């Protein structure tokens, strides 16, 4: 082979050489490879011709490796190991056993089904990395569209979202959230009407239209429009403001344990305060498909 000429060595040729080098016998190596001896002998000769180096010392009875052959077998073994690893990792990626799932969620979903879903997926897919991001419904819709998220857990209805798949995920209902020391907590059977004169803390409608409108509609149904004195992005922020006495709010019942020493929660009865959460996505990677599939199997 001329200097500078690139040898084209196949993985099969490396496998054949390794068999001969380990057996130090062409016939035994041929049996190990499930082939006859003459083609194997020719294959080793071609390998040596291709790289321009003698790899095997041939004697009357015993074969041996030249110094170049001893070096080549180490490199060949490593190359085959890497080739096998490439195949395995590619198969794992295609099957969703490895990769990354970027998961968005509204704050209240962490108090429902979502933690169990995350734990089970991590146990069944330990080599898939889950990247979690709390975000409002509107922010998740935007992130799904610009490929910043793979999957979102959000609250419908979604506006102009025909391009986004929605799968039922969880169920919750609304309750009243009032600062612990507020005089209203002394009343029994507190209702939404009792909050008609109170300052409300809500979230911007553009960040969670369906949830926002549901609260406004509930208030209107009992005869008042809430006076929103402050808005906060995210349910944890809303409740944090309630906890310091900045106002009252209507929040998911699933979050009624949040800052329970500072906030009193009161159940809203009937079916109107109920709402659903959906799992949403657009284009799923193999690992994201595995995540969605695992939810359907629970």
Protein backbone atom coordinates (compact mmCIF):
# COMPACT_ATOMS: atom_id res chain seq x y z
CA UNK A 1 0.00 0.00 0.00
CA UNK A 2 1.41 3.39 -0.93
CA UNK A 3 2.09 5.94 1.81
CA UNK A 4 -0.91 8.22 2.22
CA UNK A 5 -3.36 5.65 0.84
CA UNK A 6 -6.24 5.08 3.24
CA UNK A 7 -6.90 1.43 3.98
CA UNK A 8 -10.51 0.36 4.00
CA UNK A 9 -10.78 -2.25 6.73
CA UNK A 10 -14.13 -3.77 7.53
CA UNK A 11 -15.36 -4.75 10.97
CA UNK A 12 -15.67 -8.31 9.65
CA UNK A 13 -11.96 -8.36 8.77
CA UNK A 14 -11.12 -7.22 12.30
CA UNK A 15 -13.35 -9.92 13.76
CA UNK A 16 -11.63 -12.55 11.59
CA UNK A 17 -8.17 -11.37 12.60
CA UNK A 18 -9.08 -11.42 16.30
CA UNK A 19 -10.29 -15.01 15.99
CA UNK A 20 -7.05 -16.12 14.32
CA UNK A 21 -4.93 -14.17 16.80
CA UNK A 22 -6.72 -15.67 19.79
CA UNK A 23 -6.82 -19.24 18.48
CA UNK A 24 -3.36 -19.10 16.84
CA UNK A 25 -4.74 -21.68 14.45
CA UNK A 26 -6.53 -21.04 11.16
CA UNK A 27 -8.69 -24.16 11.30
CA UNK A 28 -9.95 -23.53 14.85
CA UNK A 29 -10.53 -19.87 14.05
CA UNK A 30 -12.53 -20.84 10.94
CA UNK A 31 -14.72 -23.18 13.01
CA UNK A 32 -15.26 -20.42 15.56
CA UNK A 33 -16.38 -18.09 12.76
CA UNK A 34 -18.57 -20.75 11.10
CA UNK A 35 -16.62 -20.60 7.86
CA UNK A 36 -14.15 -22.77 6.00
CA UNK A 37 -10.41 -22.28 6.37
CA UNK A 38 -9.35 -21.22 2.81
CA UNK A 39 -11.56 -18.07 2.73
CA UNK A 40 -10.32 -17.14 6.19
CA UNK A 41 -6.69 -17.52 5.14
CA UNK A 42 -7.38 -15.36 2.09
CA UNK A 43 -9.17 -12.75 4.23
CA UNK A 44 -6.18 -12.39 6.56
CA UNK A 45 -3.80 -12.12 3.58
CA UNK A 46 -6.01 -9.40 2.09
CA UNK A 47 -6.10 -7.56 5.41
CA UNK A 48 -2.30 -7.54 5.57
CA UNK A 49 -2.09 -6.42 1.93
CA UNK A 50 -4.63 -3.64 2.54
CA UNK A 51 -2.63 -2.11 5.38
CA UNK A 52 0.79 -3.07 4.04
CA UNK A 53 1.91 -4.77 7.27
CA UNK A 54 2.52 -8.40 8.26
CA UNK A 55 0.35 -9.15 11.27
CA UNK A 56 0.82 -12.90 11.72
CA UNK A 57 4.04 -14.89 11.86
CA UNK A 58 3.42 -18.15 10.07
CA UNK A 59 5.46 -21.22 11.06
CA UNK A 60 5.16 -24.90 10.25
CA UNK A 61 2.90 -25.62 13.22
CA UNK A 62 2.38 -22.55 15.38
CA UNK A 63 1.16 -19.11 14.45
CA UNK A 64 2.26 -15.99 16.29
CA UNK A 65 1.69 -12.26 16.16
CA UNK A 66 4.22 -9.79 14.91
CA UNK A 67 4.72 -6.63 17.01
CA UNK A 68 2.41 -4.88 14.56
CA UNK A 69 -0.12 -7.68 14.99
CA UNK A 70 -0.05 -7.32 18.79
CA UNK A 71 -0.79 -3.63 18.41
CA UNK A 72 -3.46 -4.25 15.81
CA UNK A 73 -5.41 -6.73 17.95
CA UNK A 74 -5.75 -4.20 20.78
CA UNK A 75 -6.97 -1.53 18.41
CA UNK A 76 -9.31 -3.98 16.63
CA UNK A 77 -10.90 -5.07 19.90
CA UNK A 78 -11.51 -1.45 20.91
CA UNK A 79 -12.94 -0.62 17.49
CA UNK A 80 -15.39 -3.54 17.65
CA UNK A 81 -16.38 -2.54 21.19
CA UNK A 82 -17.09 1.01 20.04
CA UNK A 83 -19.02 -0.25 17.02
CA UNK A 84 -21.20 -2.42 19.26
CA UNK A 85 -21.74 0.55 21.56
CA UNK A 86 -22.80 2.74 18.64
CA UNK A 87 -25.40 0.17 17.61
CA UNK A 88 -26.68 -0.24 21.17
CA UNK A 89 -26.92 3.48 21.90
CA UNK A 90 -28.62 4.10 18.56
CA UNK A 91 -31.16 1.36 19.25
CA UNK A 92 -31.74 2.73 22.76
CA UNK A 93 -32.27 6.25 21.42
CA UNK A 94 -34.69 5.02 18.75
CA UNK A 95 -36.65 3.06 21.36
CA UNK A 96 -36.75 6.01 23.79
CA UNK A 97 -34.57 4.27 26.38
CA UNK A 98 -32.12 7.19 26.35
CA UNK A 99 -32.38 10.88 25.60
CA UNK A 100 -34.00 13.96 27.11
CA UNK A 101 -37.61 14.84 27.92
CA UNK A 102 -38.28 18.52 28.60
CA UNK A 103 -41.45 18.56 30.69
CA UNK A 104 -43.43 21.70 31.50
CA UNK A 105 -46.15 21.80 34.14
CA UNK A 106 -48.49 24.19 35.91
CA UNK A 107 -47.69 24.47 39.60
CA UNK A 108 -50.81 22.71 40.85
CA UNK A 109 -50.02 19.53 38.90
CA UNK A 110 -47.16 18.79 41.32
CA UNK A 111 -49.79 18.17 44.00
CA UNK A 112 -51.72 15.63 41.97
CA UNK A 113 -50.77 12.73 39.74
CA UNK A 114 -47.58 14.17 38.25
CA UNK A 115 -45.04 13.20 40.97
CA UNK A 116 -46.03 9.52 40.70
CA UNK A 117 -45.77 9.71 36.90
CA UNK A 118 -42.27 11.19 37.14
CA UNK A 119 -41.10 8.62 39.69
CA UNK A 120 -42.43 5.66 37.71
CA UNK A 121 -40.87 6.91 34.47
CA UNK A 122 -37.50 7.44 36.11
CA UNK A 123 -37.61 3.90 37.45
CA UNK A 124 -38.58 2.38 34.08
CA UNK A 125 -36.29 4.64 31.99
CA UNK A 126 -33.24 5.40 34.17
CA UNK A 127 -31.15 6.57 31.21
CA UNK A 128 -33.63 9.21 30.06
CA UNK A 129 -33.01 12.63 31.57
CA UNK A 130 -36.10 14.55 32.67
CA UNK A 131 -35.79 18.33 32.57
CA UNK A 132 -38.65 19.92 34.55
CA UNK A 133 -39.90 23.47 34.19
CA UNK A 134 -42.84 25.07 35.99
CA UNK A 135 -44.70 27.44 33.66
CA UNK A 136 -48.13 28.86 33.05
CA UNK A 137 -50.41 27.38 30.42
CA UNK A 138 -49.70 30.18 27.94
CA UNK A 139 -45.94 29.90 28.43
CA UNK A 140 -46.08 26.15 27.86
CA UNK A 141 -48.09 26.51 24.66
CA UNK A 142 -45.48 28.95 23.34
CA UNK A 143 -42.64 26.64 24.40
CA UNK A 144 -44.25 23.65 22.70
CA UNK A 145 -44.52 25.65 19.50
CA UNK A 146 -40.91 26.88 19.49
CA UNK A 147 -39.59 23.43 20.45
CA UNK A 148 -38.41 24.52 23.90
CA UNK A 149 -40.62 21.86 25.54
CA UNK A 150 -41.47 18.29 24.53
CA UNK A 151 -44.49 17.76 26.78
CA UNK A 152 -46.64 20.08 28.87
CA UNK A 153 -49.11 19.55 31.72
CA UNK A 154 -51.55 22.45 31.50
CA UNK A 155 -55.09 23.62 32.02
CA UNK A 156 -57.52 23.88 29.08
CA UNK A 157 -59.15 25.36 27.16
CA UNK A 158 -56.31 26.35 24.85
CA UNK A 159 -56.98 29.18 22.42
CA UNK A 160 -56.14 28.57 18.73
CA UNK A 161 -54.30 25.39 19.58
CA UNK A 162 -55.43 23.00 16.87
CA UNK A 163 -51.78 22.06 16.31
CA UNK A 164 -51.34 20.82 19.87
CA UNK A 165 -52.39 17.34 20.93
CA UNK A 166 -54.32 17.20 24.21
CA UNK A 167 -54.67 14.05 26.30
CA UNK A 168 -56.66 13.87 29.58
CA UNK A 169 -54.20 13.74 32.46
CA UNK A 170 -55.64 14.70 35.85
CA UNK A 171 -58.65 16.21 37.63
CA UNK A 172 -58.87 18.91 40.33
CA UNK A 173 -61.28 21.40 41.81
CA UNK A 174 -61.14 24.92 43.20
CA UNK A 175 -61.12 26.12 46.79
CA UNK A 176 -60.87 29.42 48.64
CA UNK A 177 -57.50 30.54 49.99
CA UNK A 178 -57.57 33.09 52.83
CA UNK A 179 -54.81 34.36 55.14
CA UNK A 180 -54.79 32.41 58.40
CA UNK A 181 -55.56 35.40 60.63
CA UNK A 182 -58.39 36.77 58.49
CA UNK A 183 -61.73 37.29 60.34
CA UNK A 184 -63.59 35.35 57.64
CA UNK A 185 -62.01 32.15 58.92
CA UNK A 186 -64.26 32.38 61.97
CA UNK A 187 -67.33 31.77 59.81
CA UNK A 188 -68.65 28.27 59.33
CA UNK A 189 -69.51 27.07 55.83
CA UNK A 190 -67.62 29.89 54.14
CA UNK A 191 -68.75 30.51 50.55
CA UNK A 192 -67.43 32.46 47.60
CA UNK A 193 -70.08 35.15 48.22
CA UNK A 194 -68.39 35.94 51.55
CA UNK A 195 -65.33 37.13 49.61
CA UNK A 196 -67.21 39.68 47.48
CA UNK A 197 -65.71 42.67 49.33
CA UNK A 198 -62.21 41.26 49.60
CA UNK A 199 -59.17 42.15 47.46
CA UNK A 200 -58.34 39.27 45.12
CA UNK A 201 -54.96 38.00 43.99
CA UNK A 202 -55.13 36.28 40.61
CA UNK A 203 -52.88 35.59 37.65
CA UNK A 204 -52.96 37.41 34.30
CA UNK A 205 -55.62 36.05 31.97
CA UNK A 206 -53.09 35.82 29.15
CA UNK A 207 -51.09 33.30 31.20
CA UNK A 208 -54.00 30.98 31.98
CA UNK A 209 -57.15 32.01 30.18
CA UNK A 210 -59.32 29.01 31.03
CA UNK A 211 -58.46 29.00 34.72
CA UNK A 212 -58.82 32.79 35.04
CA UNK A 213 -62.20 32.85 33.32
CA UNK A 214 -63.48 30.00 35.45
CA UNK A 215 -62.80 32.01 38.62
CA UNK A 216 -64.40 35.13 37.17
CA UNK A 217 -67.43 33.10 36.07
CA UNK A 218 -67.81 31.51 39.51
CA UNK A 219 -67.81 34.95 41.11
CA UNK A 220 -70.30 36.32 38.57
CA UNK A 221 -72.61 33.38 39.20
CA UNK A 222 -72.93 34.42 42.87
CA UNK A 223 -73.40 38.09 42.06
CA UNK A 224 -70.09 39.94 42.07
CA UNK A 225 -67.02 40.77 40.04
CA UNK A 226 -63.80 40.22 42.03
CA UNK A 227 -61.64 43.24 42.73
CA UNK A 228 -58.22 42.11 41.56
CA UNK A 229 -55.67 44.24 43.40
CA UNK A 230 -52.61 42.22 42.43
CA UNK A 231 -51.61 39.67 39.83
CA UNK A 232 -48.91 37.03 40.15
CA UNK A 233 -47.37 34.65 37.64
CA UNK A 234 -47.84 31.10 38.84
CA UNK A 235 -49.91 29.54 41.60
CA UNK A 236 -47.07 29.41 44.10
CA UNK A 237 -46.62 33.16 43.72
CA UNK A 238 -50.36 33.74 44.19
CA UNK A 239 -50.42 31.71 47.39
CA UNK A 240 -47.27 33.34 48.69
CA UNK A 241 -49.04 36.70 48.48
CA UNK A 242 -52.11 35.29 50.20
CA UNK A 243 -49.91 33.95 53.00
CA UNK A 244 -48.65 37.45 53.82
CA UNK A 245 -52.15 38.93 53.92
CA UNK A 246 -52.12 40.71 50.54
CA UNK A 247 -55.55 39.37 49.63
CA UNK A 248 -57.62 36.25 49.01
CA UNK A 249 -57.76 33.91 46.04
CA UNK A 250 -59.40 30.89 44.45
CA UNK A 251 -56.87 28.12 43.88
CA UNK A 252 -56.66 24.38 43.11
CA UNK A 253 -57.71 22.22 46.02
CA UNK A 254 -54.70 19.97 45.39
CA UNK A 255 -52.49 22.82 46.68
CA UNK A 256 -54.32 23.15 49.98
CA UNK A 257 -51.27 21.87 51.85
CA UNK A 258 -49.06 24.71 50.61
CA UNK A 259 -48.13 26.99 53.53
CA UNK A 260 -50.91 25.50 55.60
CA UNK A 261 -49.63 27.30 58.69
CA UNK A 262 -50.29 30.66 57.00
CA UNK A 263 -53.27 29.98 54.75
CA UNK A 264 -56.74 28.59 55.44
CA UNK A 265 -58.35 26.64 52.61
CA UNK A 266 -62.12 26.25 52.20
CA UNK A 267 -63.71 23.77 49.81
CA UNK A 268 -66.06 25.00 47.10
CA UNK A 269 -68.89 22.51 46.64
CA UNK A 270 -70.75 21.52 43.49
CA UNK A 271 -69.51 20.60 40.02
CA UNK A 272 -68.78 24.10 38.72
CA UNK A 273 -65.45 24.45 40.60
CA UNK A 274 -64.09 21.28 38.98
CA UNK A 275 -61.47 21.44 36.22
CA UNK A 276 -59.19 19.14 34.25
CA UNK A 277 -55.50 19.08 33.38
CA UNK A 278 -54.27 17.79 30.04
CA UNK A 279 -50.99 16.45 28.74
CA UNK A 280 -50.07 18.35 25.58
CA UNK A 281 -47.45 17.92 22.88
CA UNK A 282 -46.71 18.58 19.23
CA UNK A 283 -43.69 16.71 17.82
CA UNK A 284 -42.43 13.89 20.06
CA UNK A 285 -38.88 12.55 20.15
CA UNK A 286 -38.52 8.79 20.83
CA UNK A 287 -37.85 9.47 24.54
CA UNK A 288 -40.83 11.83 24.77
CA UNK A 289 -43.00 9.18 23.08
CA UNK A 290 -41.83 6.73 25.73
CA UNK A 291 -42.85 9.21 28.44
CA UNK A 292 -46.32 9.71 26.98
CA UNK A 293 -46.72 5.97 26.44
CA UNK A 294 -45.75 5.24 30.05
CA UNK A 295 -48.57 7.50 31.27
CA UNK A 296 -51.11 5.57 29.23
CA UNK A 297 -49.87 2.32 30.78
CA UNK A 298 -50.49 3.50 34.36
